[in-house]
Amino acid sequence: MKSKLSASIMCADPLYMKKDLDALAQKGIDFFHCDVMDGQFVPNLMLSTETLKAVKQQYQVPLDIHIMAEKPEHVLPWLPFGKGDIVSIHYESTPHVDRVLQQIAEKEAMPALALNPATPLACAAHVLDRIGMLLIMTVNPGFAGQKMVPCALEKIRMARKLLDEAGYSHILLEVDGNCSLENIPLMEEAGADTFVVGTSSVFSKVHGLEKGLAMTRACLKK
């Protein structure tokens, strides 16, 4: 399976977001990663529904919507997504995980389950038949620019083993948090195949967006 990059648009320059997204779309980015935060599940607010609607209308790039909000079932109706898009919810955010994953599938998007760093992988075991992607948080969610938590690489290895041994090797294994030029090869070796890239790679202020994207792609083995 060819590894994929999902560019976190919350890391784009807010005053020049369209310029950044235009460049990423022209360079064939795999996904636009869109964080939806409510200030309750995580201590931050991001991204507005109007922003997401504008991105959806403007570009052909599939959306990778990551809902970090309490009761995501209440948020889903506001969001623009459909066939070809991915929508992830956190196991910790609702008692109705299975139902919400079904609601995402009903709109022909790929349902995904996200797990915080301290959330056991066993929480995903009973919904593997519902999801097309498992998202492993390698930082505590809410803010860009954090360092990878120490247990992250081992958790990625365990997640890959869980998927393969259960007969779900086709499920994408995405990692979100400090996907840097140094960490991506380690994450990929551990079994990840989809990477949420932000300030430590594609949106690096040191290299600039186009060079950052080229350097990030060069890190991938697959």
N, C-alpha and C. Protein backbone atom coordinates (compact mmCIF):
# COMPACT_ATOMS: atom_id res chain seq x y z
N MET A 1 0.84 -1.20 0.00
CA MET A 1 0.00 0.00 0.00
C MET A 1 0.88 1.25 0.00
N LYS A 2 0.65 2.14 -0.94
CA LYS A 2 1.43 3.37 -1.03
C LYS A 2 1.08 4.29 0.14
N SER A 3 2.11 4.81 0.81
CA SER A 3 1.88 5.72 1.93
C SER A 3 1.29 7.03 1.44
N LYS A 4 0.47 7.65 2.29
CA LYS A 4 -0.26 8.86 1.91
C LYS A 4 0.03 10.00 2.90
N LEU A 5 -0.10 11.23 2.40
CA LEU A 5 0.08 12.42 3.23
C LEU A 5 -1.23 13.18 3.32
N SER A 6 -1.57 13.57 4.55
CA SER A 6 -2.79 14.34 4.81
C SER A 6 -2.36 15.67 5.43
N ALA A 7 -2.42 16.74 4.66
CA ALA A 7 -1.92 18.04 5.09
C ALA A 7 -2.90 18.72 6.05
N SER A 8 -2.42 19.03 7.25
CA SER A 8 -3.26 19.65 8.27
C SER A 8 -3.46 21.13 7.98
N ILE A 9 -4.66 21.49 7.52
CA ILE A 9 -4.86 22.87 7.08
C ILE A 9 -4.91 23.86 8.23
N MET A 10 -5.04 23.39 9.48
CA MET A 10 -4.95 24.31 10.61
C MET A 10 -3.54 24.87 10.74
N CYS A 11 -2.57 24.23 10.08
CA CYS A 11 -1.18 24.68 10.14
C CYS A 11 -0.84 25.66 9.01
N ALA A 12 -1.77 25.85 8.09
CA ALA A 12 -1.55 26.84 7.03
C ALA A 12 -1.55 28.24 7.61
N ASP A 13 -0.91 29.16 6.92
CA ASP A 13 -0.95 30.57 7.34
C ASP A 13 -2.39 31.05 7.20
N PRO A 14 -3.05 31.44 8.31
CA PRO A 14 -4.47 31.81 8.23
C PRO A 14 -4.74 33.01 7.33
N LEU A 15 -3.74 33.86 7.11
CA LEU A 15 -3.92 35.01 6.23
C LEU A 15 -3.70 34.66 4.76
N TYR A 16 -3.08 33.50 4.51
CA TYR A 16 -2.79 33.10 3.14
C TYR A 16 -3.17 31.64 2.92
N MET A 17 -4.25 31.21 3.55
CA MET A 17 -4.61 29.80 3.47
C MET A 17 -4.86 29.35 2.04
N LYS A 18 -5.55 30.14 1.25
CA LYS A 18 -5.85 29.73 -0.12
C LYS A 18 -4.57 29.52 -0.93
N LYS A 19 -3.60 30.36 -0.73
CA LYS A 19 -2.32 30.20 -1.44
C LYS A 19 -1.68 28.86 -1.09
N ASP A 20 -1.68 28.52 0.20
CA ASP A 20 -1.11 27.25 0.64
C ASP A 20 -1.90 26.06 0.09
N LEU A 21 -3.22 26.13 0.16
CA LEU A 21 -4.04 25.01 -0.32
C LEU A 21 -3.95 24.86 -1.83
N ASP A 22 -3.87 25.97 -2.55
CA ASP A 22 -3.68 25.91 -4.00
C ASP A 22 -2.40 25.15 -4.34
N ALA A 23 -1.32 25.49 -3.62
CA ALA A 23 -0.02 24.86 -3.89
C ALA A 23 -0.07 23.36 -3.57
N LEU A 24 -0.70 23.01 -2.46
CA LEU A 24 -0.80 21.60 -2.09
C LEU A 24 -1.64 20.81 -3.10
N ALA A 25 -2.75 21.40 -3.53
CA ALA A 25 -3.61 20.73 -4.51
C ALA A 25 -2.86 20.53 -5.83
N GLN A 26 -2.12 21.54 -6.25
CA GLN A 26 -1.37 21.44 -7.51
C GLN A 26 -0.28 20.39 -7.44
N LYS A 27 0.25 20.17 -6.24
CA LYS A 27 1.32 19.20 -6.05
C LYS A 27 0.79 17.80 -5.74
N GLY A 28 -0.54 17.63 -5.78
CA GLY A 28 -1.12 16.30 -5.65
C GLY A 28 -1.17 15.74 -4.24
N ILE A 29 -1.38 16.61 -3.25
CA ILE A 29 -1.51 16.12 -1.88
C ILE A 29 -2.67 15.11 -1.81
N ASP A 30 -2.52 14.09 -0.97
CA ASP A 30 -3.53 13.03 -0.93
C ASP A 30 -4.82 13.46 -0.24
N PHE A 31 -4.70 14.18 0.88
CA PHE A 31 -5.86 14.63 1.65
C PHE A 31 -5.61 16.00 2.26
N PHE A 32 -6.69 16.74 2.49
CA PHE A 32 -6.66 17.90 3.37
C PHE A 32 -7.19 17.44 4.73
N HIS A 33 -6.33 17.49 5.74
CA HIS A 33 -6.74 17.10 7.09
C HIS A 33 -7.40 18.29 7.77
N CYS A 34 -8.65 18.12 8.16
CA CYS A 34 -9.46 19.22 8.69
C CYS A 34 -9.85 18.93 10.14
N ASP A 35 -9.25 19.64 11.07
CA ASP A 35 -9.55 19.44 12.49
C ASP A 35 -10.78 20.24 12.89
N VAL A 36 -11.71 19.56 13.55
CA VAL A 36 -12.92 20.20 14.07
C VAL A 36 -12.88 20.06 15.59
N MET A 37 -12.68 21.18 16.29
CA MET A 37 -12.52 21.18 17.75
C MET A 37 -13.59 22.05 18.39
N ASP A 38 -14.07 21.61 19.55
CA ASP A 38 -15.18 22.32 20.20
C ASP A 38 -14.81 23.08 21.46
N GLY A 39 -13.53 23.06 21.86
CA GLY A 39 -13.14 23.74 23.09
C GLY A 39 -13.51 22.99 24.34
N GLN A 40 -14.12 21.82 24.19
CA GLN A 40 -14.52 21.00 25.33
C GLN A 40 -13.76 19.67 25.33
N PHE A 41 -13.87 18.91 24.25
CA PHE A 41 -13.13 17.66 24.15
C PHE A 41 -11.63 17.92 24.12
N VAL A 42 -11.26 19.01 23.44
CA VAL A 42 -9.87 19.49 23.44
C VAL A 42 -9.89 20.99 23.74
N PRO A 43 -8.81 21.52 24.32
CA PRO A 43 -8.78 22.94 24.70
C PRO A 43 -8.41 23.87 23.55
N ASN A 44 -9.20 23.83 22.49
CA ASN A 44 -8.95 24.70 21.35
C ASN A 44 -10.21 24.74 20.50
N LEU A 45 -10.30 25.74 19.62
CA LEU A 45 -11.41 25.87 18.68
C LEU A 45 -10.85 25.87 17.26
N MET A 46 -11.43 25.07 16.38
CA MET A 46 -10.90 24.89 15.04
C MET A 46 -11.91 24.00 14.31
N LEU A 47 -11.98 23.90 13.09
CA LEU A 47 -12.05 24.89 12.06
C LEU A 47 -13.53 25.15 11.84
N SER A 48 -13.89 26.31 11.37
CA SER A 48 -15.31 26.62 11.22
C SER A 48 -15.96 25.82 10.10
N THR A 49 -17.25 25.60 10.22
CA THR A 49 -17.97 24.87 9.17
C THR A 49 -17.95 25.65 7.85
N GLU A 50 -17.96 26.97 7.93
CA GLU A 50 -17.92 27.76 6.69
C GLU A 50 -16.58 27.60 5.99
N THR A 51 -15.50 27.50 6.76
CA THR A 51 -14.19 27.26 6.16
C THR A 51 -14.17 25.91 5.46
N LEU A 52 -14.70 24.89 6.12
CA LEU A 52 -14.71 23.56 5.53
C LEU A 52 -15.57 23.51 4.27
N LYS A 53 -16.70 24.19 4.29
CA LYS A 53 -17.56 24.22 3.10
C LYS A 53 -16.84 24.89 1.94
N ALA A 54 -16.11 25.95 2.23
CA ALA A 54 -15.39 26.66 1.17
C ALA A 54 -14.29 25.77 0.58
N VAL A 55 -13.57 25.06 1.44
CA VAL A 55 -12.52 24.15 0.97
C VAL A 55 -13.13 23.03 0.14
N LYS A 56 -14.23 22.48 0.59
CA LYS A 56 -14.90 21.39 -0.12
C LYS A 56 -15.35 21.83 -1.51
N GLN A 57 -15.85 23.04 -1.60
CA GLN A 57 -16.36 23.56 -2.88
C GLN A 57 -15.23 23.91 -3.84
N GLN A 58 -14.10 24.35 -3.31
CA GLN A 58 -13.03 24.89 -4.13
C GLN A 58 -12.11 23.81 -4.72
N TYR A 59 -11.92 22.70 -3.97
CA TYR A 59 -10.88 21.74 -4.35
C TYR A 59 -11.45 20.34 -4.58
N GLN A 60 -10.72 19.57 -5.37
CA GLN A 60 -11.07 18.17 -5.62
C GLN A 60 -10.34 17.23 -4.64
N VAL A 61 -9.51 17.78 -3.79
CA VAL A 61 -8.75 16.98 -2.83
C VAL A 61 -9.70 16.40 -1.78
N PRO A 62 -9.66 15.10 -1.53
CA PRO A 62 -10.54 14.52 -0.50
C PRO A 62 -10.26 15.12 0.88
N LEU A 63 -11.32 15.26 1.66
CA LEU A 63 -11.18 15.78 3.02
C LEU A 63 -10.96 14.62 3.99
N ASP A 64 -10.09 14.86 4.95
CA ASP A 64 -9.82 13.93 6.04
C ASP A 64 -10.24 14.68 7.31
N ILE A 65 -11.53 14.58 7.64
CA ILE A 65 -12.10 15.39 8.73
C ILE A 65 -11.92 14.65 10.06
N HIS A 66 -11.29 15.33 10.99
CA HIS A 66 -10.97 14.76 12.30
C HIS A 66 -11.79 15.51 13.36
N ILE A 67 -12.84 14.87 13.85
CA ILE A 67 -13.73 15.52 14.81
C ILE A 67 -13.22 15.30 16.23
N MET A 68 -12.79 16.38 16.85
CA MET A 68 -12.36 16.36 18.25
C MET A 68 -13.38 17.16 19.05
N ALA A 69 -14.54 16.57 19.23
CA ALA A 69 -15.65 17.27 19.87
C ALA A 69 -16.49 16.27 20.65
N GLU A 70 -17.06 16.76 21.74
CA GLU A 70 -18.00 15.94 22.49
C GLU A 70 -19.25 15.69 21.64
N LYS A 71 -19.75 14.48 21.72
CA LYS A 71 -20.95 14.08 20.99
C LYS A 71 -20.86 14.44 19.50
N PRO A 72 -19.96 13.79 18.79
CA PRO A 72 -19.79 14.09 17.36
C PRO A 72 -21.05 13.87 16.53
N GLU A 73 -21.98 13.06 17.06
CA GLU A 73 -23.24 12.85 16.34
C GLU A 73 -24.01 14.16 16.16
N HIS A 74 -23.77 15.14 17.04
CA HIS A 74 -24.42 16.44 16.92
C HIS A 74 -23.69 17.36 15.93
N VAL A 75 -22.42 17.04 15.67
CA VAL A 75 -21.58 17.86 14.79
C VAL A 75 -21.70 17.43 13.33
N LEU A 76 -21.88 16.15 13.10
CA LEU A 76 -21.89 15.61 11.74
C LEU A 76 -22.80 16.35 10.77
N PRO A 77 -24.04 16.71 11.18
CA PRO A 77 -24.93 17.36 10.21
C PRO A 77 -24.42 18.71 9.69
N TRP A 78 -23.48 19.32 10.39
CA TRP A 78 -22.96 20.62 9.97
C TRP A 78 -21.85 20.51 8.94
N LEU A 79 -21.29 19.32 8.77
CA LEU A 79 -20.04 19.18 8.04
C LEU A 79 -20.26 18.75 6.59
N PRO A 80 -19.46 19.31 5.67
CA PRO A 80 -19.58 18.95 4.25
C PRO A 80 -18.68 17.77 3.90
N PHE A 81 -19.24 16.60 3.78
CA PHE A 81 -18.43 15.45 3.40
C PHE A 81 -19.32 14.45 2.65
N GLY A 82 -18.64 13.57 1.94
CA GLY A 82 -19.36 12.57 1.16
C GLY A 82 -18.40 11.55 0.60
N LYS A 83 -18.74 10.97 -0.52
CA LYS A 83 -17.94 9.90 -1.13
C LYS A 83 -16.51 10.36 -1.38
N GLY A 84 -15.56 9.54 -0.95
CA GLY A 84 -14.15 9.86 -1.14
C GLY A 84 -13.50 10.53 0.06
N ASP A 85 -14.32 11.08 0.96
CA ASP A 85 -13.80 11.73 2.15
C ASP A 85 -13.66 10.73 3.30
N ILE A 86 -12.88 11.11 4.31
CA ILE A 86 -12.72 10.32 5.52
C ILE A 86 -13.21 11.17 6.69
N VAL A 87 -13.94 10.56 7.62
CA VAL A 87 -14.39 11.28 8.82
C VAL A 87 -14.06 10.42 10.03
N SER A 88 -13.25 10.96 10.93
CA SER A 88 -12.86 10.21 12.12
C SER A 88 -13.49 10.83 13.36
N ILE A 89 -13.91 9.95 14.25
CA ILE A 89 -14.41 10.35 15.56
C ILE A 89 -13.55 9.69 16.62
N HIS A 90 -13.53 10.29 17.80
CA HIS A 90 -12.77 9.72 18.90
C HIS A 90 -13.61 8.73 19.68
N TYR A 91 -12.99 7.61 20.00
CA TYR A 91 -13.66 6.61 20.83
C TYR A 91 -14.14 7.25 22.13
N GLU A 92 -13.35 8.17 22.67
CA GLU A 92 -13.61 8.76 23.99
C GLU A 92 -14.72 9.81 23.98
N SER A 93 -15.19 10.19 22.78
CA SER A 93 -16.07 11.36 22.68
C SER A 93 -17.56 11.06 22.75
N THR A 94 -17.94 9.78 22.64
CA THR A 94 -19.36 9.44 22.61
C THR A 94 -19.58 8.01 23.09
N PRO A 95 -20.69 7.75 23.78
CA PRO A 95 -21.02 6.36 24.13
C PRO A 95 -21.61 5.58 22.96
N HIS A 96 -21.83 6.26 21.83
CA HIS A 96 -22.50 5.65 20.68
C HIS A 96 -21.56 5.55 19.48
N VAL A 97 -20.37 5.01 19.70
CA VAL A 97 -19.36 4.94 18.66
C VAL A 97 -19.87 4.21 17.42
N ASP A 98 -20.45 3.03 17.61
CA ASP A 98 -20.91 2.23 16.47
C ASP A 98 -21.97 2.97 15.66
N ARG A 99 -22.90 3.61 16.35
CA ARG A 99 -23.97 4.35 15.66
C ARG A 99 -23.42 5.50 14.84
N VAL A 100 -22.46 6.25 15.40
CA VAL A 100 -21.92 7.40 14.69
C VAL A 100 -21.11 6.95 13.47
N LEU A 101 -20.37 5.87 13.60
CA LEU A 101 -19.65 5.34 12.44
C LEU A 101 -20.61 4.94 11.32
N GLN A 102 -21.75 4.37 11.68
CA GLN A 102 -22.76 4.03 10.69
C GLN A 102 -23.30 5.29 10.00
N GLN A 103 -23.50 6.36 10.78
CA GLN A 103 -24.02 7.61 10.21
C GLN A 103 -23.05 8.18 9.18
N ILE A 104 -21.76 8.04 9.45
CA ILE A 104 -20.75 8.52 8.49
C ILE A 104 -20.82 7.67 7.21
N ALA A 105 -20.92 6.36 7.37
CA ALA A 105 -20.98 5.46 6.21
C ALA A 105 -22.22 5.72 5.37
N GLU A 106 -23.32 6.12 6.00
CA GLU A 106 -24.55 6.39 5.27
C GLU A 106 -24.40 7.54 4.28
N LYS A 107 -23.43 8.43 4.53
CA LYS A 107 -23.15 9.53 3.60
C LYS A 107 -22.03 9.18 2.63
N GLU A 108 -21.68 7.89 2.58
CA GLU A 108 -20.71 7.34 1.64
C GLU A 108 -19.27 7.78 1.88
N ALA A 109 -18.98 8.35 3.06
CA ALA A 109 -17.61 8.66 3.43
C ALA A 109 -17.01 7.46 4.16
N MET A 110 -15.70 7.46 4.31
CA MET A 110 -15.02 6.39 5.04
C MET A 110 -15.05 6.69 6.53
N PRO A 111 -15.67 5.85 7.34
CA PRO A 111 -15.65 6.05 8.79
C PRO A 111 -14.27 5.68 9.35
N ALA A 112 -13.83 6.47 10.33
CA ALA A 112 -12.54 6.21 10.97
C ALA A 112 -12.67 6.39 12.47
N LEU A 113 -11.86 5.66 13.21
CA LEU A 113 -11.85 5.77 14.66
C LEU A 113 -10.50 6.31 15.11
N ALA A 114 -10.54 7.33 15.97
CA ALA A 114 -9.33 7.93 16.52
C ALA A 114 -9.17 7.54 17.99
N LEU A 115 -7.92 7.29 18.38
CA LEU A 115 -7.61 6.93 19.76
C LEU A 115 -6.56 7.88 20.31
N ASN A 116 -6.83 8.45 21.48
CA ASN A 116 -5.86 9.29 22.17
C ASN A 116 -4.67 8.45 22.64
N PRO A 117 -3.55 9.10 22.99
CA PRO A 117 -2.35 8.34 23.36
C PRO A 117 -2.55 7.31 24.46
N ALA A 118 -3.37 7.61 25.47
CA ALA A 118 -3.55 6.69 26.59
C ALA A 118 -4.76 5.76 26.43
N THR A 119 -5.46 5.86 25.31
CA THR A 119 -6.63 5.00 25.08
C THR A 119 -6.19 3.65 24.53
N PRO A 120 -6.59 2.55 25.15
CA PRO A 120 -6.14 1.22 24.72
C PRO A 120 -6.59 0.87 23.30
N LEU A 121 -5.76 0.15 22.60
CA LEU A 121 -6.11 -0.32 21.26
C LEU A 121 -7.32 -1.24 21.27
N ALA A 122 -7.53 -1.92 22.39
CA ALA A 122 -8.66 -2.85 22.50
C ALA A 122 -9.99 -2.15 22.25
N CYS A 123 -10.03 -0.83 22.42
CA CYS A 123 -11.28 -0.08 22.20
C CYS A 123 -11.71 -0.13 20.74
N ALA A 124 -10.77 -0.42 19.84
CA ALA A 124 -11.10 -0.49 18.42
C ALA A 124 -11.54 -1.88 17.97
N ALA A 125 -11.33 -2.87 18.80
CA ALA A 125 -11.47 -4.26 18.37
C ALA A 125 -12.86 -4.61 17.86
N HIS A 126 -13.90 -4.02 18.43
CA HIS A 126 -15.26 -4.42 18.07
C HIS A 126 -15.90 -3.53 16.99
N VAL A 127 -15.12 -2.61 16.43
CA VAL A 127 -15.67 -1.80 15.33
C VAL A 127 -14.81 -1.90 14.07
N LEU A 128 -13.90 -2.86 14.03
CA LEU A 128 -13.04 -2.98 12.86
C LEU A 128 -13.82 -3.23 11.58
N ASP A 129 -14.98 -3.86 11.70
CA ASP A 129 -15.81 -4.09 10.51
C ASP A 129 -16.57 -2.84 10.09
N ARG A 130 -16.49 -1.78 10.89
CA ARG A 130 -17.18 -0.53 10.58
C ARG A 130 -16.26 0.52 9.95
N ILE A 131 -14.94 0.39 10.13
CA ILE A 131 -14.04 1.48 9.78
C ILE A 131 -13.17 1.15 8.58
N GLY A 132 -12.72 2.23 7.93
CA GLY A 132 -11.75 2.10 6.84
C GLY A 132 -10.40 2.64 7.24
N MET A 133 -10.35 3.30 8.42
CA MET A 133 -9.09 3.87 8.89
C MET A 133 -9.08 3.89 10.42
N LEU A 134 -7.92 3.60 11.00
CA LEU A 134 -7.68 3.75 12.43
C LEU A 134 -6.66 4.86 12.60
N LEU A 135 -7.00 5.85 13.42
CA LEU A 135 -6.14 7.02 13.63
C LEU A 135 -5.52 6.94 15.02
N ILE A 136 -4.20 6.88 15.06
CA ILE A 136 -3.47 6.84 16.33
C ILE A 136 -2.91 8.23 16.60
N MET A 137 -3.36 8.84 17.71
CA MET A 137 -2.82 10.13 18.11
C MET A 137 -1.45 9.91 18.75
N THR A 138 -0.44 10.58 18.20
CA THR A 138 0.91 10.45 18.74
C THR A 138 1.30 11.68 19.56
N VAL A 139 0.34 12.58 19.76
CA VAL A 139 0.42 13.67 20.73
C VAL A 139 -0.96 13.77 21.38
N ASN A 140 -1.04 14.49 22.49
CA ASN A 140 -2.34 14.76 23.07
C ASN A 140 -3.04 15.81 22.22
N PRO A 141 -4.26 15.54 21.76
CA PRO A 141 -4.88 16.38 20.73
C PRO A 141 -5.23 17.79 21.21
N GLY A 142 -5.22 18.71 20.24
CA GLY A 142 -5.66 20.08 20.52
C GLY A 142 -4.77 21.15 19.93
N PHE A 143 -3.46 20.90 19.87
CA PHE A 143 -2.54 21.94 19.41
C PHE A 143 -1.46 21.36 18.50
N ALA A 144 -1.04 22.16 17.53
CA ALA A 144 0.07 21.79 16.66
C ALA A 144 1.39 22.06 17.38
N GLY A 145 2.46 21.45 16.86
CA GLY A 145 3.80 21.76 17.36
C GLY A 145 4.25 20.99 18.59
N GLN A 146 3.50 19.95 18.98
CA GLN A 146 3.89 19.18 20.15
C GLN A 146 4.89 18.07 19.79
N LYS A 147 5.58 17.56 20.80
CA LYS A 147 6.50 16.45 20.62
C LYS A 147 5.74 15.12 20.74
N MET A 148 6.21 14.12 20.02
CA MET A 148 5.59 12.80 20.05
C MET A 148 5.70 12.18 21.45
N VAL A 149 4.60 11.60 21.92
CA VAL A 149 4.62 10.96 23.24
C VAL A 149 5.51 9.72 23.17
N PRO A 150 6.17 9.35 24.28
CA PRO A 150 7.17 8.28 24.25
C PRO A 150 6.65 6.92 23.77
N CYS A 151 5.40 6.58 24.06
CA CYS A 151 4.88 5.25 23.74
C CYS A 151 4.36 5.14 22.31
N ALA A 152 4.45 6.21 21.53
CA ALA A 152 3.74 6.27 20.24
C ALA A 152 4.18 5.19 19.26
N LEU A 153 5.48 5.01 19.07
CA LEU A 153 5.93 4.06 18.06
C LEU A 153 5.52 2.63 18.41
N GLU A 154 5.59 2.27 19.69
CA GLU A 154 5.17 0.93 20.10
C GLU A 154 3.67 0.76 19.88
N LYS A 155 2.89 1.81 20.11
CA LYS A 155 1.45 1.72 19.90
C LYS A 155 1.14 1.54 18.41
N ILE A 156 1.88 2.21 17.55
CA ILE A 156 1.69 2.03 16.10
C ILE A 156 1.98 0.58 15.72
N ARG A 157 3.06 0.02 16.24
CA ARG A 157 3.40 -1.39 15.96
C ARG A 157 2.29 -2.32 16.42
N MET A 158 1.77 -2.06 17.61
CA MET A 158 0.70 -2.90 18.15
C MET A 158 -0.57 -2.77 17.32
N ALA A 159 -0.84 -1.55 16.84
CA ALA A 159 -2.03 -1.32 16.01
C ALA A 159 -1.91 -2.07 14.69
N ARG A 160 -0.72 -2.02 14.07
CA ARG A 160 -0.51 -2.74 12.82
C ARG A 160 -0.70 -4.24 13.02
N LYS A 161 -0.17 -4.75 14.13
CA LYS A 161 -0.30 -6.18 14.44
C LYS A 161 -1.76 -6.55 14.65
N LEU A 162 -2.50 -5.69 15.38
CA LEU A 162 -3.92 -5.94 15.62
C LEU A 162 -4.68 -6.04 14.31
N LEU A 163 -4.47 -5.08 13.42
CA LEU A 163 -5.18 -5.06 12.14
C LEU A 163 -4.83 -6.27 11.29
N ASP A 164 -3.55 -6.57 11.19
CA ASP A 164 -3.11 -7.68 10.33
C ASP A 164 -3.61 -9.03 10.85
N GLU A 165 -3.47 -9.24 12.15
CA GLU A 165 -3.84 -10.54 12.72
C GLU A 165 -5.35 -10.75 12.74
N ALA A 166 -6.12 -9.65 12.78
CA ALA A 166 -7.59 -9.76 12.78
C ALA A 166 -8.16 -9.85 11.37
N GLY A 167 -7.30 -9.78 10.36
CA GLY A 167 -7.76 -9.87 8.98
C GLY A 167 -8.21 -8.54 8.40
N TYR A 168 -7.72 -7.44 8.96
CA TYR A 168 -8.11 -6.11 8.49
C TYR A 168 -6.89 -5.31 8.03
N SER A 169 -6.00 -5.96 7.33
CA SER A 169 -4.78 -5.29 6.88
C SER A 169 -5.07 -4.19 5.86
N HIS A 170 -6.29 -4.20 5.27
CA HIS A 170 -6.65 -3.17 4.29
C HIS A 170 -7.00 -1.84 4.97
N ILE A 171 -7.27 -1.85 6.27
CA ILE A 171 -7.63 -0.62 6.97
C ILE A 171 -6.41 0.31 7.03
N LEU A 172 -6.61 1.57 6.64
CA LEU A 172 -5.54 2.56 6.72
C LEU A 172 -5.15 2.78 8.18
N LEU A 173 -3.85 2.96 8.43
CA LEU A 173 -3.36 3.27 9.77
C LEU A 173 -2.71 4.65 9.73
N GLU A 174 -3.46 5.62 10.21
CA GLU A 174 -3.01 7.01 10.18
C GLU A 174 -2.42 7.42 11.52
N VAL A 175 -1.39 8.27 11.47
CA VAL A 175 -0.82 8.84 12.68
C VAL A 175 -0.92 10.35 12.61
N ASP A 176 -1.22 10.95 13.76
CA ASP A 176 -1.43 12.40 13.85
C ASP A 176 -0.66 12.93 15.05
N GLY A 177 0.34 13.75 14.78
CA GLY A 177 1.11 14.38 15.84
C GLY A 177 2.60 14.24 15.64
N ASN A 178 3.29 15.37 15.42
CA ASN A 178 4.75 15.41 15.26
C ASN A 178 5.24 14.46 14.16
N CYS A 179 4.50 14.46 13.03
CA CYS A 179 4.97 13.70 11.86
C CYS A 179 6.05 14.54 11.18
N SER A 180 7.23 14.47 11.75
CA SER A 180 8.36 15.28 11.29
C SER A 180 9.19 14.49 10.28
N LEU A 181 10.15 15.18 9.67
CA LEU A 181 11.04 14.51 8.72
C LEU A 181 11.82 13.40 9.41
N GLU A 182 12.07 13.54 10.70
CA GLU A 182 12.79 12.52 11.46
C GLU A 182 11.87 11.38 11.89
N ASN A 183 10.63 11.71 12.26
CA ASN A 183 9.72 10.70 12.81
C ASN A 183 8.97 9.88 11.77
N ILE A 184 8.68 10.46 10.62
CA ILE A 184 7.89 9.75 9.61
C ILE A 184 8.51 8.41 9.22
N PRO A 185 9.84 8.33 8.96
CA PRO A 185 10.40 7.02 8.62
C PRO A 185 10.24 6.00 9.75
N LEU A 186 10.32 6.44 10.99
CA LEU A 186 10.15 5.54 12.13
C LEU A 186 8.70 5.08 12.24
N MET A 187 7.77 6.01 12.01
CA MET A 187 6.34 5.68 12.06
C MET A 187 5.97 4.72 10.93
N GLU A 188 6.52 4.95 9.75
CA GLU A 188 6.23 4.09 8.61
C GLU A 188 6.80 2.69 8.85
N GLU A 189 8.01 2.62 9.39
CA GLU A 189 8.62 1.32 9.70
C GLU A 189 7.79 0.56 10.73
N ALA A 190 7.15 1.30 11.64
CA ALA A 190 6.32 0.68 12.67
C ALA A 190 4.99 0.18 12.12
N GLY A 191 4.61 0.63 10.91
CA GLY A 191 3.39 0.12 10.29
C GLY A 191 2.38 1.15 9.84
N ALA A 192 2.63 2.43 10.10
CA ALA A 192 1.71 3.47 9.65
C ALA A 192 1.81 3.66 8.14
N ASP A 193 0.70 4.07 7.52
CA ASP A 193 0.73 4.29 6.07
C ASP A 193 0.11 5.62 5.65
N THR A 194 -0.42 6.37 6.63
CA THR A 194 -1.03 7.67 6.34
C THR A 194 -0.56 8.64 7.43
N PHE A 195 -0.09 9.82 7.02
CA PHE A 195 0.57 10.73 7.95
C PHE A 195 -0.05 12.11 7.90
N VAL A 196 -0.47 12.62 9.05
CA VAL A 196 -0.98 13.98 9.13
C VAL A 196 0.23 14.90 9.28
N VAL A 197 0.46 15.71 8.26
CA VAL A 197 1.68 16.52 8.22
C VAL A 197 1.35 17.98 8.46
N GLY A 198 2.18 18.60 9.33
CA GLY A 198 1.91 19.98 9.72
C GLY A 198 3.17 20.79 9.88
N THR A 199 3.32 21.42 11.04
CA THR A 199 4.39 22.39 11.25
C THR A 199 5.78 21.77 11.28
N SER A 200 5.88 20.47 11.55
CA SER A 200 7.20 19.85 11.63
C SER A 200 7.65 19.23 10.31
N SER A 201 6.87 19.46 9.24
CA SER A 201 7.26 18.90 7.95
C SER A 201 6.80 19.81 6.81
N VAL A 202 5.60 19.58 6.30
CA VAL A 202 5.13 20.30 5.11
C VAL A 202 5.00 21.81 5.36
N PHE A 203 4.51 22.18 6.54
CA PHE A 203 4.31 23.61 6.83
C PHE A 203 5.47 24.20 7.62
N SER A 204 6.65 23.64 7.46
CA SER A 204 7.84 24.14 8.14
C SER A 204 8.16 25.56 7.69
N LYS A 205 8.36 26.46 8.64
CA LYS A 205 8.72 27.84 8.30
C LYS A 205 10.17 27.94 7.84
N VAL A 206 10.95 26.92 8.15
CA VAL A 206 12.36 26.91 7.75
C VAL A 206 12.49 26.62 6.26
N HIS A 207 11.74 25.64 5.76
CA HIS A 207 11.90 25.19 4.38
C HIS A 207 10.90 25.81 3.41
N GLY A 208 9.75 26.24 3.90
CA GLY A 208 8.69 26.69 3.01
C GLY A 208 7.87 25.52 2.54
N LEU A 209 6.65 25.79 2.06
CA LEU A 209 5.69 24.72 1.79
C LEU A 209 6.13 23.76 0.69
N GLU A 210 6.51 24.26 -0.46
CA GLU A 210 6.81 23.36 -1.57
C GLU A 210 8.04 22.51 -1.29
N LYS A 211 9.09 23.11 -0.73
CA LYS A 211 10.28 22.34 -0.39
C LYS A 211 9.96 21.37 0.76
N GLY A 212 9.15 21.84 1.73
CA GLY A 212 8.76 20.98 2.85
C GLY A 212 8.00 19.75 2.37
N LEU A 213 7.10 19.94 1.39
CA LEU A 213 6.35 18.81 0.85
C LEU A 213 7.28 17.84 0.12
N ALA A 214 8.20 18.36 -0.66
CA ALA A 214 9.14 17.50 -1.39
C ALA A 214 10.02 16.72 -0.42
N MET A 215 10.48 17.37 0.64
CA MET A 215 11.34 16.69 1.62
C MET A 215 10.54 15.63 2.38
N THR A 216 9.28 15.92 2.66
CA THR A 216 8.43 14.95 3.37
C THR A 216 8.21 13.72 2.50
N ARG A 217 7.89 13.92 1.24
CA ARG A 217 7.69 12.79 0.33
C ARG A 217 8.96 11.95 0.21
N ALA A 218 10.10 12.60 0.26
CA ALA A 218 11.37 11.89 0.15
C ALA A 218 11.64 10.99 1.37
N CYS A 219 10.95 11.27 2.48
CA CYS A 219 11.10 10.46 3.69
C CYS A 219 10.40 9.11 3.58
N LEU A 220 9.41 9.03 2.70
CA LEU A 220 8.59 7.83 2.61
C LEU A 220 9.31 6.74 1.83
N LYS A 221 9.19 5.51 2.33
CA LYS A 221 9.78 4.37 1.64
C LYS A 221 8.82 3.74 0.65
N LYS A 222 7.50 3.81 0.97
CA LYS A 222 6.49 3.20 0.11
C LYS A 222 5.96 4.20 -0.89
